[in-house]
Protein backbone atom coordinates (compact mmCIF):
# COMPACT_ATOMS: atom_id res chain seq x y z
CA MET A 1 -4.89 94.03 -53.97
CA THR A 2 -1.15 93.61 -54.23
CA PRO A 3 -0.10 90.75 -56.54
CA ASP A 4 2.26 88.21 -54.98
CA ALA A 5 5.03 86.30 -56.77
CA THR A 6 2.59 83.66 -58.06
CA ASP A 7 0.23 86.32 -59.41
CA LEU A 8 3.14 87.99 -61.19
CA ALA A 9 4.21 84.65 -62.70
CA ILE A 10 0.63 84.15 -63.95
CA LEU A 11 0.63 87.65 -65.47
CA ARG A 12 3.98 87.00 -67.18
CA LEU A 13 2.67 83.81 -68.76
CA LEU A 14 -0.65 85.33 -69.84
CA SER A 15 1.03 88.44 -71.25
CA ARG A 16 3.09 86.18 -73.54
CA ASP A 17 0.18 83.90 -74.48
CA ALA A 18 -3.34 84.65 -73.26
CA THR A 19 -4.63 81.45 -74.87
CA LEU A 20 -2.93 79.29 -72.22
CA GLY A 21 -5.95 79.36 -69.95
CA ALA A 22 -5.95 78.29 -66.31
CA ALA A 23 -4.97 74.68 -67.13
CA GLY A 24 -1.92 75.71 -69.20
CA VAL A 25 -0.79 78.27 -66.64
CA GLY A 26 -1.28 75.72 -63.86
CA ARG A 27 0.87 73.16 -65.69
CA ALA A 28 3.61 75.74 -66.25
CA LEU A 29 3.63 76.77 -62.59
CA GLY A 30 2.92 73.41 -61.00
CA LEU A 31 -0.42 74.53 -59.54
CA THR A 32 -3.95 73.23 -59.98
CA GLN A 33 -6.32 74.68 -62.55
CA PRO A 34 -8.86 75.79 -59.87
CA ALA A 35 -6.14 77.60 -57.89
CA ILE A 36 -5.00 79.45 -61.01
CA TRP A 37 -8.57 80.24 -62.03
CA ARG A 38 -9.31 81.77 -58.58
CA ARG A 39 -6.20 83.95 -58.85
CA ILE A 40 -7.08 85.05 -62.41
CA ARG A 41 -10.67 85.92 -61.35
CA ARG A 42 -9.38 87.88 -58.34
CA MET A 43 -7.02 89.87 -60.59
CA GLN A 44 -9.87 90.49 -63.06
CA ASP A 45 -12.16 91.63 -60.23
CA HIS A 46 -9.49 94.08 -59.04
CA GLY A 47 -8.84 95.42 -62.55
CA ILE A 48 -5.29 94.08 -62.81
CA ILE A 49 -6.30 91.91 -65.77
CA ALA A 50 -8.34 94.20 -67.98
CA GLY A 51 -8.99 91.94 -70.96
CA GLN A 52 -7.36 89.80 -73.60
CA ARG A 53 -6.00 91.01 -76.92
CA VAL A 54 -4.98 89.44 -80.18
CA GLN A 55 -1.61 90.48 -81.54
CA ILE A 56 -1.90 90.98 -85.29
CA ASP A 57 1.05 90.84 -87.65
CA THR A 58 0.31 94.05 -89.55
CA ALA A 59 3.10 93.41 -92.07
CA ALA A 60 1.41 90.14 -93.04
CA LEU A 61 -1.70 92.19 -93.82
CA GLY A 62 0.28 94.51 -96.09
CA PHE A 63 0.94 97.37 -93.67
CA GLY A 64 4.71 97.77 -93.93
CA VAL A 65 5.19 101.28 -92.56
CA THR A 66 4.62 102.58 -89.04
CA VAL A 67 4.91 106.32 -88.49
CA PHE A 68 4.82 108.24 -85.23
CA LEU A 69 3.45 111.74 -85.65
CA GLY A 70 3.99 114.51 -83.15
CA ILE A 71 1.22 117.09 -83.48
CA ARG A 72 1.05 120.53 -81.94
CA LEU A 73 -2.35 122.15 -82.13
CA ALA A 74 -2.66 125.75 -83.28
CA THR A 75 -5.16 126.49 -80.49
CA LYS A 76 -5.39 124.70 -77.15
CA GLY A 77 -8.81 125.24 -75.61
CA ARG A 78 -10.92 122.37 -74.27
CA THR A 79 -13.17 122.60 -77.34
CA SER A 80 -10.25 122.34 -79.77
CA LEU A 81 -8.82 119.33 -77.89
CA ASP A 82 -12.19 117.55 -77.94
CA GLU A 83 -12.74 118.36 -81.63
CA PHE A 84 -9.28 117.10 -82.57
CA GLU A 85 -9.64 113.87 -80.54
CA ARG A 86 -13.06 113.12 -82.05
CA ALA A 87 -11.77 113.68 -85.59
CA VAL A 88 -8.47 111.81 -85.24
CA THR A 89 -10.02 108.71 -83.63
CA ALA A 90 -12.25 108.36 -86.71
CA ILE A 91 -9.22 107.73 -88.95
CA PRO A 92 -8.75 103.94 -89.24
CA GLU A 93 -5.01 104.10 -89.94
CA VAL A 94 -4.42 105.86 -86.61
CA GLN A 95 -3.68 103.05 -84.15
CA THR A 96 -3.03 105.08 -81.01
CA VAL A 97 -3.74 108.64 -79.95
CA GLN A 98 -1.70 109.84 -76.99
CA HIS A 99 -2.27 113.24 -75.37
CA VAL A 100 1.23 114.11 -74.17
CA LEU A 101 3.13 116.80 -72.32
CA GLY A 102 6.16 118.31 -74.01
CA GLN A 103 7.02 119.69 -77.43
CA PHE A 104 3.82 118.28 -78.97
CA ASP A 105 0.25 118.01 -77.76
CA TYR A 106 -0.43 114.60 -79.30
CA ARG A 107 1.51 111.59 -80.48
CA LEU A 108 -0.11 109.31 -83.07
CA ARG A 109 0.92 105.85 -84.23
CA ILE A 110 -0.13 105.39 -87.86
CA LEU A 111 -0.03 102.24 -89.98
CA ALA A 112 0.33 102.56 -93.75
CA ARG A 113 0.97 100.17 -96.60
CA ASP A 114 4.03 102.13 -97.78
CA ILE A 115 5.42 105.68 -97.77
CA ALA A 116 3.13 106.77 -100.63
CA ASP A 117 0.14 105.50 -98.64
CA PHE A 118 1.37 107.40 -95.57
CA GLU A 119 1.72 110.58 -97.65
CA ARG A 120 -1.90 110.16 -98.78
CA ILE A 121 -3.05 109.69 -95.17
CA LEU A 122 -1.04 112.72 -94.06
CA ARG A 123 -2.29 115.02 -96.81
CA ARG A 124 -5.94 113.93 -97.00
CA ARG A 125 -6.71 112.96 -93.42
CA ILE A 126 -4.24 114.32 -90.89
CA MET A 127 -3.55 117.79 -92.28
CA THR A 128 -7.29 118.43 -92.68
CA LEU A 129 -8.01 117.81 -88.99
CA PRO A 130 -9.32 120.75 -86.95
CA GLY A 131 -6.69 122.79 -85.12
CA ILE A 132 -3.56 121.28 -86.71
CA GLY A 133 -0.49 123.43 -86.17
CA GLN A 134 2.91 121.75 -86.38
CA VAL A 135 3.43 118.12 -87.43
CA GLU A 136 6.60 116.01 -87.15
CA ALA A 137 6.86 112.48 -88.55
CA ASN A 138 9.20 109.69 -87.43
CA VAL A 139 9.23 106.43 -89.40
CA LEU A 140 9.70 103.26 -87.35
CA LEU A 141 12.75 101.31 -88.51
CA SER A 142 12.66 98.48 -85.97
CA GLU A 143 10.95 97.65 -82.71
CA GLU A 144 12.02 95.53 -79.77
CA ARG A 145 9.33 94.30 -77.42
CA ARG A 146 10.39 94.28 -73.78
CA PRO A 147 8.81 92.35 -70.92
CA GLY A 148 8.22 95.54 -68.95
CA PRO A 149 7.73 95.70 -65.20
CA LEU A 150 6.65 92.06 -64.90
CA GLY A 151 10.20 90.85 -65.50
CA SER A 152 11.86 88.65 -68.04
CA ASP A 153 10.99 85.24 -69.42
CA THR A 154 14.00 83.76 -67.67
CA GLU A 155 12.75 84.32 -64.13
CA PRO A 156 11.91 81.02 -62.47
CA PRO A 157 8.31 80.50 -61.36
CA PRO A 158 7.67 80.89 -57.64
CA ALA A 159 8.03 77.84 -55.44
């Protein structure tokens, strides 16, 4: 399935606010609720819409520091990769685990309450993981969310 302009407009709206539902999206695009619902179901059936997520304000929960860790493993066999992935995904502060190509083998996104909390996580949890070689930390200063390939909020809905 290749999404048309209306499908892309639906995806733009839902990516900004998944609580709109078919009625809200229909009102925004000037289409009926059943027409929108059919399009949403078709995109779900084809795997274009893979679920709905809640965006949590982590700072409001007391997590004020985000750190990206680049990790190079000391050994790189299939067993060591599997062991590392199993162990790192068990750490609750690790939000994402990305197996990457380049200078590092993995890139982790870690949430911590503050720098002292991050140091505790690094020393007690990360550095004790199996196969750890080199680690490089980058602290997030600011983040700008972009609309991505669906386009900007200023694009007019299809006719």
